[in-house]
Amino acid sequence: MVGGGRGLAPSRVRELAGTLRDLARLLGGNRLTDGQDLRALPAEEEASLQHARSRFAVPEAWRLGRRLTTVGDVAVVEVRDGADLVAVLKLSRSPAGDASLALQQEVLSLLAADDRLGEWRRFLPEVLAHGVLDPRRYMLERAVRGRVGTSLPDSALAGGGLRSAVLSIAALHRATGGREVATRSLVEGWIDPPLARIADLPMLLGRTRRLALVDDVRRRIRSGLEGRAVWISRTHGDLSLGNVIYRAAAPEVAGILDWAQSRDGEPAWIDPLTLLLVGRTQRHGRELGDVVRDLRRSASLTAPESDLLMAHRAACPGDRVDTDVMALMAWLRHVDGNLEKSPRYAAHPVWVHRNVERVLTAAAASHHPGRSGVSSARGAAPE
C-alpha cells in the first residue's frame, strides 16, 4: 500500500508484468531487416548443387547465379546455364525454413499426382532435386519462364492480368472442392488455432484487452460465416503478384510459385481476396493490416475488385459473405502464414503493431452490440 491507500489488484499486477515481458521480447527480438546468417551460404549452395548433380542428374554445366532477396527463412539463388535462367535453388536457414521447404515439396507432390487437375498442373513448379545436407534442407525447382506479376504495369494487370490470376486459381478450387455449409466446428477449425497464436504475440496491449479483442474478431467471423454455403477447397494460401509468373507476350498466367502455405479444406475466396488486398499494399506502400483495418471500419472494395470476386464466384459459387468477414479471414491466414514462415515476424514490433494490433483495435471500433451484420457502406461480396 502507498499512503494508506489500496494497492493494485493481483490480476492487474500480473497483467502489467506480462506487458513488460512483451516489451522486453519486442526490444530484444530480431527484426525483418536483420540479415540472414550468410557466412556459410556459399559453401552450402555449392554442396546442394553438387548433390543435385550426383543424385538427380542435374547438368554439370549449370552454375550458381544471383542470390535473391527474401524476408523468410529460405535463401533463394538463381541457377543458370550460360546466360539462361534454368532453375532456382532454395536453401533453408532455420528450422522454420526446413518446415517450409518440406511442406512445399509435399504439396507439389500431391498436386502433381492429382489427376483431377489435368492440364492445370502446368502452372506448378517442377521439383528437379531436393535433399537434406547437414544441417539444412534444400530444393531445386525448374525456373518458370516469364515475368513476375509485380513487374507488370498497372495497365497490363487491369487489362487482364489480375483476371487471369483469379481464374487460374479458381480452376484449382473448382477441381478440388465443393459447396458446403460452414458449421460452427468447421469455422472454429479455420480460426481458433491462428487466433490463439495471435493472442500470444508480444504486444503493448494488455493481455486482458488483447484477449477481448481476439474474441471480438472470433465472434465477427463466426457470425458472418456460420450457416452459410461456402466453396471449400485446396487453397494456395499466399497468392500475391510476387508468386504469379506471366507470359512475356501477354498478361496470361504461366506459373504459380511458393506452395508451402497451401492447405486443403478452406474457403476458396481466401486466395483471390489475398491477391487483391496484398495488391493494395504493393500499389500504395502500405501494410496489409492498414488495408484490412480500413475495410473493417468503412472502406469497401472497388468496382474492379468486386468484378474479380464475381468472376471467382461464378466458378466457385457460395452464399453472400460480408466483405469485412472475408477480409478478416484473409488477414488471419496471411498473418498466420508469416508467423510460420519465420519467427522474425513475431519479434518485429512495427510489423506486429501495424499488421495485428491495428486490425484488432479496428475490429473493436466497428463492433456494435445487437447488430447482426455490417453496414451497407462496407458492403458484402457481390452476389
Protein backbone atom coordinates (compact mmCIF):
# COMPACT_ATOMS: atom_id res chain seq x y z
CA MET A 1 0.00 0.00 0.00
CA VAL A 2 1.04 3.60 -0.63
CA GLY A 3 -0.04 6.43 1.64
CA GLY A 4 -2.59 4.21 3.33
CA GLY A 5 -4.40 3.57 0.01
CA ARG A 6 -5.18 0.25 -1.54
CA GLY A 7 -2.53 -1.44 -3.71
CA LEU A 8 -3.00 -2.76 -7.23
CA ALA A 9 -5.12 -5.86 -7.58
CA PRO A 10 -3.03 -9.02 -8.12
CA SER A 11 -4.61 -9.55 -11.54
CA ARG A 12 -3.57 -6.05 -12.61
CA VAL A 13 -0.04 -6.62 -11.33
CA ARG A 14 0.20 -9.82 -13.36
CA GLU A 15 -1.08 -8.04 -16.46
CA LEU A 16 1.44 -5.20 -16.10
CA ALA A 17 4.22 -7.73 -15.59
CA GLY A 18 3.12 -9.53 -18.76
CA THR A 19 3.15 -6.27 -20.72
CA LEU A 20 6.69 -5.55 -19.51
CA ARG A 21 7.78 -9.03 -20.58
CA ASP A 22 6.25 -8.47 -24.02
CA LEU A 23 8.06 -5.14 -24.28
CA ALA A 24 11.34 -6.86 -23.45
CA ARG A 25 10.63 -9.54 -26.07
CA LEU A 26 9.94 -6.88 -28.67
CA LEU A 27 13.02 -4.80 -27.88
CA GLY A 28 15.29 -7.84 -27.75
CA GLY A 29 13.91 -9.67 -30.75
CA ASN A 30 15.10 -9.90 -34.32
CA ARG A 31 13.80 -7.55 -36.96
CA LEU A 32 12.69 -8.33 -40.51
CA THR A 33 15.59 -6.20 -41.70
CA ASP A 34 18.10 -8.35 -39.81
CA GLY A 35 20.08 -10.18 -42.46
CA GLN A 36 20.20 -13.93 -42.63
CA ASP A 37 23.46 -15.51 -41.50
CA LEU A 38 25.07 -15.82 -44.92
CA ARG A 39 28.60 -16.78 -43.90
CA ALA A 40 28.11 -20.48 -44.59
CA LEU A 41 25.74 -19.99 -47.50
CA PRO A 42 28.21 -20.04 -50.44
CA ALA A 43 29.57 -23.42 -49.37
CA GLU A 44 26.04 -24.75 -48.79
CA GLU A 45 24.94 -23.53 -52.23
CA GLU A 46 27.79 -25.38 -53.92
CA ALA A 47 27.22 -28.53 -51.85
CA SER A 48 23.49 -28.52 -52.66
CA LEU A 49 24.08 -28.08 -56.40
CA GLN A 50 26.70 -30.83 -56.35
CA HIS A 51 24.24 -33.12 -54.54
CA ALA A 52 21.65 -32.35 -57.23
CA ARG A 53 24.17 -33.22 -59.93
CA SER A 54 25.18 -36.53 -58.38
CA ARG A 55 21.77 -37.74 -57.17
CA PHE A 56 19.34 -36.21 -59.67
CA ALA A 57 21.42 -35.91 -62.86
CA VAL A 58 21.31 -32.12 -62.93
CA PRO A 59 23.59 -30.96 -65.77
CA GLU A 60 27.19 -30.21 -64.84
CA ALA A 61 27.06 -27.03 -66.92
CA TRP A 62 24.58 -25.40 -64.56
CA ARG A 63 26.14 -22.75 -62.35
CA LEU A 64 25.02 -20.66 -59.40
CA GLY A 65 23.92 -17.12 -60.20
CA ARG A 66 22.49 -14.16 -58.36
CA ARG A 67 21.20 -14.50 -54.80
CA LEU A 68 17.69 -13.07 -54.46
CA THR A 69 16.43 -11.02 -51.52
CA THR A 70 13.87 -12.68 -49.23
CA VAL A 71 12.29 -11.92 -45.84
CA GLY A 72 11.56 -15.53 -44.91
CA ASP A 73 13.97 -18.14 -43.60
CA VAL A 74 14.76 -19.61 -47.04
CA ALA A 75 17.58 -18.28 -49.21
CA VAL A 76 16.88 -18.24 -52.95
CA VAL A 77 19.62 -18.41 -55.60
CA GLU A 78 19.39 -18.36 -59.39
CA VAL A 79 20.88 -21.27 -61.31
CA ARG A 80 21.98 -20.57 -64.88
CA ASP A 81 23.12 -22.44 -67.97
CA GLY A 82 25.32 -19.81 -69.51
CA ALA A 83 23.17 -16.68 -69.60
CA ASP A 84 19.87 -18.57 -69.37
CA LEU A 85 17.99 -18.85 -66.09
CA VAL A 86 17.12 -22.55 -65.82
CA ALA A 87 16.36 -23.20 -62.15
CA VAL A 88 16.02 -21.72 -58.69
CA LEU A 89 17.85 -23.15 -55.68
CA LYS A 90 16.14 -22.76 -52.29
CA LEU A 91 18.10 -23.36 -49.09
CA SER A 92 16.70 -23.31 -45.57
CA ARG A 93 18.33 -21.05 -42.99
CA SER A 94 16.39 -22.23 -39.90
CA PRO A 95 14.02 -24.92 -38.62
CA ALA A 96 11.14 -22.77 -39.89
CA GLY A 97 12.78 -22.77 -43.32
CA ASP A 98 13.18 -26.55 -43.16
CA ALA A 99 9.47 -26.91 -42.44
CA SER A 100 8.57 -24.53 -45.27
CA LEU A 101 10.58 -26.44 -47.88
CA ALA A 102 9.26 -29.78 -46.64
CA LEU A 103 5.68 -28.53 -46.98
CA GLN A 104 6.40 -27.09 -50.42
CA GLN A 105 7.72 -30.44 -51.60
CA GLU A 106 4.78 -32.33 -50.07
CA VAL A 107 2.16 -30.06 -51.62
CA LEU A 108 3.76 -30.07 -55.06
CA SER A 109 3.96 -33.88 -54.98
CA LEU A 110 0.29 -34.15 -54.01
CA LEU A 111 -0.86 -31.74 -56.68
CA ALA A 112 1.32 -33.27 -59.38
CA ALA A 113 -0.27 -36.67 -58.67
CA ASP A 114 -3.85 -35.34 -58.57
CA ASP A 115 -5.50 -36.41 -61.83
CA ARG A 116 -8.46 -34.11 -61.16
CA LEU A 117 -6.22 -31.20 -62.06
CA GLY A 118 -5.37 -32.38 -65.57
CA GLU A 119 -3.66 -29.73 -67.68
CA TRP A 120 -3.89 -27.22 -64.84
CA ARG A 121 -0.75 -28.82 -63.41
CA ARG A 122 1.28 -26.92 -65.99
CA PHE A 123 1.13 -23.95 -63.58
CA LEU A 124 3.08 -25.83 -60.89
CA PRO A 125 6.85 -25.53 -60.42
CA GLU A 126 8.74 -28.72 -61.29
CA VAL A 127 10.96 -30.04 -58.50
CA LEU A 128 14.26 -31.14 -60.05
CA ALA A 129 16.13 -32.12 -56.89
CA HIS A 130 15.82 -32.00 -53.13
CA GLY A 131 17.61 -33.23 -50.05
CA VAL A 132 18.85 -32.60 -46.54
CA LEU A 133 22.52 -31.72 -46.21
CA ASP A 134 23.52 -31.32 -42.58
CA PRO A 135 22.09 -29.24 -41.13
CA ARG A 136 19.59 -27.81 -43.59
CA ARG A 137 17.16 -28.75 -46.38
CA TYR A 138 17.37 -27.63 -50.00
CA MET A 139 15.16 -27.79 -53.09
CA LEU A 140 15.89 -27.13 -56.76
CA GLU A 141 12.96 -26.04 -58.95
CA ARG A 142 12.88 -25.52 -62.69
CA ALA A 143 12.54 -21.84 -63.49
CA VAL A 144 9.17 -20.73 -64.87
CA ARG A 145 9.81 -18.54 -67.89
CA GLY A 146 8.03 -15.20 -67.98
CA ARG A 147 7.59 -12.06 -65.91
CA VAL A 148 6.81 -11.90 -62.21
CA GLY A 149 3.47 -10.20 -61.56
CA THR A 150 4.98 -7.35 -59.55
CA SER A 151 6.88 -6.23 -62.68
CA LEU A 152 3.74 -5.82 -64.81
CA PRO A 153 2.44 -2.27 -65.33
CA ASP A 154 -0.97 -1.41 -63.87
CA SER A 155 -2.41 -1.26 -67.37
CA ALA A 156 -1.49 -4.91 -68.02
CA LEU A 157 -2.91 -6.03 -64.68
CA ALA A 158 -6.15 -4.11 -65.22
CA GLY A 159 -6.23 -5.28 -68.84
CA GLY A 160 -6.48 -8.93 -67.95
CA GLY A 161 -3.54 -9.87 -65.72
CA LEU A 162 -5.47 -9.95 -62.45
CA ARG A 163 -8.44 -11.68 -64.05
CA SER A 164 -6.13 -14.35 -65.47
CA ALA A 165 -4.68 -14.96 -61.98
CA VAL A 166 -8.13 -15.17 -60.38
CA LEU A 167 -9.49 -17.56 -63.00
CA SER A 168 -6.33 -19.70 -62.90
CA ILE A 169 -6.56 -20.23 -59.15
CA ALA A 170 -10.35 -20.68 -59.40
CA ALA A 171 -9.71 -23.70 -61.64
CA LEU A 172 -7.76 -25.30 -58.78
CA HIS A 173 -10.58 -24.50 -56.36
CA ARG A 174 -13.18 -25.89 -58.74
CA ALA A 175 -11.30 -29.16 -59.25
CA THR A 176 -10.50 -29.80 -55.59
CA GLY A 177 -13.58 -28.52 -53.75
CA GLY A 178 -17.29 -28.13 -53.46
CA ARG A 179 -20.05 -26.11 -51.85
CA GLU A 180 -20.58 -26.88 -48.14
CA VAL A 181 -22.38 -25.31 -45.21
CA ALA A 182 -19.93 -23.68 -42.81
CA THR A 183 -20.75 -25.30 -39.46
CA ARG A 184 -19.52 -23.94 -36.16
CA SER A 185 -16.91 -26.71 -35.83
CA LEU A 186 -15.67 -26.03 -39.36
CA VAL A 187 -15.33 -22.29 -38.74
CA GLU A 188 -13.64 -22.86 -35.40
CA GLY A 189 -11.14 -25.17 -37.10
CA TRP A 190 -10.25 -22.35 -39.50
CA ILE A 191 -9.90 -19.56 -36.97
CA ASP A 192 -9.16 -20.84 -33.47
CA PRO A 193 -5.54 -22.05 -33.98
CA PRO A 194 -4.31 -18.85 -35.69
CA LEU A 195 -6.22 -16.64 -33.25
CA ALA A 196 -4.54 -18.46 -30.36
CA ARG A 197 -1.13 -17.74 -31.92
CA ILE A 198 -2.04 -14.10 -32.43
CA ALA A 199 -3.21 -13.79 -28.82
CA ASP A 200 0.24 -14.97 -27.70
CA LEU A 201 2.18 -12.37 -29.73
CA PRO A 202 4.17 -9.80 -27.74
CA MET A 203 2.16 -6.57 -27.86
CA LEU A 204 1.85 -3.41 -25.84
CA LEU A 205 -1.85 -4.17 -25.45
CA GLY A 206 -2.52 -5.68 -22.04
CA ARG A 207 -3.37 -9.35 -22.10
CA THR A 208 -6.93 -8.86 -20.87
CA ARG A 209 -7.70 -6.33 -23.60
CA ARG A 210 -5.82 -8.40 -26.19
CA LEU A 211 -7.90 -11.49 -25.45
CA ALA A 212 -11.09 -9.44 -25.58
CA LEU A 213 -10.13 -8.05 -29.00
CA VAL A 214 -9.29 -11.51 -30.30
CA ASP A 215 -12.69 -12.74 -29.07
CA ASP A 216 -14.33 -9.84 -30.90
CA VAL A 217 -12.70 -10.96 -34.17
CA ARG A 218 -13.74 -14.55 -33.46
CA ARG A 219 -17.38 -13.56 -32.91
CA ARG A 220 -17.44 -11.40 -36.04
CA ILE A 221 -16.10 -14.18 -38.27
CA ARG A 222 -18.40 -16.78 -36.76
CA SER A 223 -21.47 -14.59 -37.13
CA GLY A 224 -20.54 -13.86 -40.74
CA LEU A 225 -19.82 -17.45 -41.80
CA GLU A 226 -21.76 -19.98 -39.73
CA GLY A 227 -24.68 -21.45 -41.62
CA ARG A 228 -23.63 -20.03 -44.98
CA ALA A 229 -22.78 -22.14 -48.00
CA VAL A 230 -19.10 -21.70 -48.84
CA TRP A 231 -16.98 -23.20 -51.62
CA ILE A 232 -14.36 -25.18 -49.72
CA SER A 233 -11.24 -26.45 -51.50
CA ARG A 234 -7.48 -26.53 -51.52
CA THR A 235 -6.05 -23.01 -51.44
CA HIS A 236 -2.66 -21.58 -52.31
CA GLY A 237 -2.61 -19.60 -49.07
CA ASP A 238 -0.14 -16.91 -50.16
CA LEU A 239 -1.43 -15.74 -53.51
CA SER A 240 0.12 -12.45 -54.49
CA LEU A 241 1.57 -10.94 -57.64
CA GLY A 242 5.04 -11.87 -56.40
CA ASN A 243 4.06 -15.54 -56.65
CA VAL A 244 2.48 -15.34 -60.11
CA ILE A 245 4.54 -15.59 -63.29
CA TYR A 246 3.04 -14.20 -66.50
CA ARG A 247 3.88 -14.96 -70.10
CA ALA A 248 6.22 -12.40 -71.59
CA ALA A 249 3.98 -11.61 -74.57
CA ALA A 250 0.61 -11.29 -72.80
CA PRO A 251 -0.82 -10.87 -69.29
CA GLU A 252 -1.67 -14.56 -69.01
CA VAL A 253 -0.54 -16.77 -66.13
CA ALA A 254 2.40 -19.07 -66.91
CA GLY A 255 3.03 -20.38 -63.39
CA ILE A 256 2.16 -20.04 -59.72
CA LEU A 257 5.01 -20.29 -57.20
CA ASP A 258 5.59 -20.93 -53.49
CA TRP A 259 3.08 -23.52 -52.29
CA ALA A 260 4.38 -24.00 -48.75
CA GLN A 261 1.30 -22.37 -47.23
CA SER A 262 -1.24 -24.31 -49.30
CA ARG A 263 -3.96 -26.11 -47.35
CA ASP A 264 -6.93 -28.28 -48.14
CA GLY A 265 -10.44 -27.64 -46.86
CA GLU A 266 -10.53 -23.82 -46.74
CA PRO A 267 -12.86 -21.15 -48.17
CA ALA A 268 -11.76 -20.73 -51.76
CA TRP A 269 -12.27 -16.96 -51.79
CA ILE A 270 -9.30 -16.55 -49.42
CA ASP A 271 -6.98 -16.73 -52.45
CA PRO A 272 -8.49 -14.05 -54.71
CA LEU A 273 -9.11 -11.75 -51.75
CA THR A 274 -5.50 -12.14 -50.59
CA LEU A 275 -4.37 -11.31 -54.13
CA LEU A 276 -6.45 -8.13 -54.12
CA LEU A 277 -5.56 -6.99 -50.60
CA VAL A 278 -1.83 -7.61 -50.98
CA GLY A 279 -2.07 -5.83 -54.32
CA ARG A 280 -3.36 -2.76 -52.50
CA THR A 281 -0.35 -2.85 -50.16
CA GLN A 282 2.05 -3.08 -53.09
CA ARG A 283 0.41 -0.23 -55.03
CA HIS A 284 0.13 2.15 -52.10
CA GLY A 285 3.14 1.19 -49.97
CA ARG A 286 1.01 0.11 -47.01
CA GLU A 287 0.91 -2.86 -44.65
CA LEU A 288 -1.83 -5.45 -45.00
CA GLY A 289 -3.07 -4.57 -41.53
CA ASP A 290 -3.73 -0.99 -42.64
CA VAL A 291 -5.79 -2.19 -45.61
CA VAL A 292 -7.84 -4.65 -43.53
CA ARG A 293 -8.37 -2.05 -40.80
CA ASP A 294 -9.92 0.27 -43.39
CA LEU A 295 -12.23 -2.50 -44.62
CA ARG A 296 -13.26 -3.21 -41.04
CA ARG A 297 -14.23 0.41 -40.49
CA SER A 298 -15.82 1.91 -43.57
CA ALA A 299 -13.96 1.20 -46.82
CA SER A 300 -15.35 -1.09 -49.50
CA LEU A 301 -13.97 -2.96 -52.45
CA THR A 302 -13.56 -1.07 -55.69
CA ALA A 303 -15.73 -1.94 -58.67
CA PRO A 304 -12.87 -3.77 -60.46
CA GLU A 305 -12.10 -5.74 -57.28
CA SER A 306 -15.77 -6.69 -56.91
CA ASP A 307 -15.86 -7.77 -60.56
CA LEU A 308 -12.90 -10.10 -59.98
CA LEU A 309 -14.58 -11.68 -56.95
CA MET A 310 -17.74 -12.13 -59.03
CA ALA A 311 -15.68 -13.95 -61.68
CA HIS A 312 -14.32 -16.25 -59.00
CA ARG A 313 -17.78 -16.81 -57.53
CA ALA A 314 -19.12 -17.80 -60.93
CA ALA A 315 -16.68 -20.71 -60.92
CA CYS A 316 -16.98 -21.49 -57.20
CA PRO A 317 -20.48 -20.43 -56.08
CA GLY A 318 -21.40 -19.77 -52.46
CA ASP A 319 -23.62 -17.61 -50.26
CA ARG A 320 -23.18 -13.90 -49.68
CA VAL A 321 -20.42 -13.12 -47.14
CA ASP A 322 -19.74 -9.63 -45.82
CA THR A 323 -16.53 -8.10 -47.15
CA ASP A 324 -15.11 -7.36 -43.71
CA VAL A 325 -15.53 -11.03 -42.73
CA MET A 326 -13.74 -12.20 -45.87
CA ALA A 327 -11.01 -9.63 -45.27
CA LEU A 328 -10.56 -10.80 -41.68
CA MET A 329 -10.25 -14.41 -42.85
CA ALA A 330 -7.67 -13.48 -45.49
CA TRP A 331 -5.79 -11.36 -42.93
CA LEU A 332 -5.83 -14.16 -40.38
CA ARG A 333 -4.50 -16.64 -42.94
CA HIS A 334 -1.79 -14.24 -44.11
CA VAL A 335 -0.58 -13.32 -40.62
CA ASP A 336 -0.54 -16.96 -39.53
CA GLY A 337 1.42 -17.88 -42.65
CA ASN A 338 4.04 -15.22 -41.92
CA LEU A 339 4.38 -16.40 -38.32
CA GLU A 340 5.01 -19.92 -39.63
CA LYS A 341 7.41 -18.62 -42.28
CA SER A 342 9.84 -17.01 -39.83
CA PRO A 343 10.00 -16.23 -36.08
CA ARG A 344 11.30 -12.78 -37.02
CA TYR A 345 7.77 -11.56 -37.72
CA ALA A 346 6.62 -12.13 -34.14
CA ALA A 347 9.66 -10.25 -32.84
CA HIS A 348 9.22 -7.23 -35.14
CA PRO A 349 7.42 -4.51 -33.14
CA VAL A 350 6.40 -2.39 -36.13
CA TRP A 351 5.07 -5.39 -38.06
CA VAL A 352 3.10 -6.62 -35.04
CA HIS A 353 1.65 -3.16 -34.40
CA ARG A 354 0.69 -2.37 -38.00
CA ASN A 355 -0.48 -5.83 -39.05
CA VAL A 356 -2.01 -7.21 -35.85
CA GLU A 357 -2.76 -4.58 -33.23
CA ARG A 358 -4.32 -2.14 -35.69
CA VAL A 359 -6.66 -4.80 -37.06
CA LEU A 360 -7.67 -5.96 -33.59
CA THR A 361 -8.49 -2.45 -32.39
CA ALA A 362 -10.27 -1.61 -35.65
CA ALA A 363 -12.44 -4.66 -35.12
CA ALA A 364 -13.41 -3.27 -31.74
CA ALA A 365 -14.17 0.15 -33.21
CA SER A 366 -16.51 -1.37 -35.81
CA HIS A 367 -18.43 -3.56 -33.35
CA HIS A 368 -21.96 -2.51 -32.50
CA PRO A 369 -23.82 -4.72 -29.97
CA GLY A 370 -27.02 -6.15 -31.32
CA ARG A 371 -26.12 -5.64 -34.96
CA SER A 372 -26.20 -8.92 -36.85
CA GLY A 373 -24.39 -7.75 -39.96
CA VAL A 374 -22.33 -4.87 -41.26
CA SER A 375 -23.47 -1.65 -42.78
CA SER A 376 -24.13 -1.36 -46.48
CA ALA A 377 -21.23 1.09 -46.64
CA ARG A 378 -18.88 -1.80 -46.02
CA GLY A 379 -20.89 -4.00 -48.30
CA ALA A 380 -20.56 -7.67 -48.97
CA ALA A 381 -19.03 -9.93 -51.52
CA PRO A 382 -21.09 -9.50 -54.68
CA GLU A 383 -23.87 -11.98 -55.42
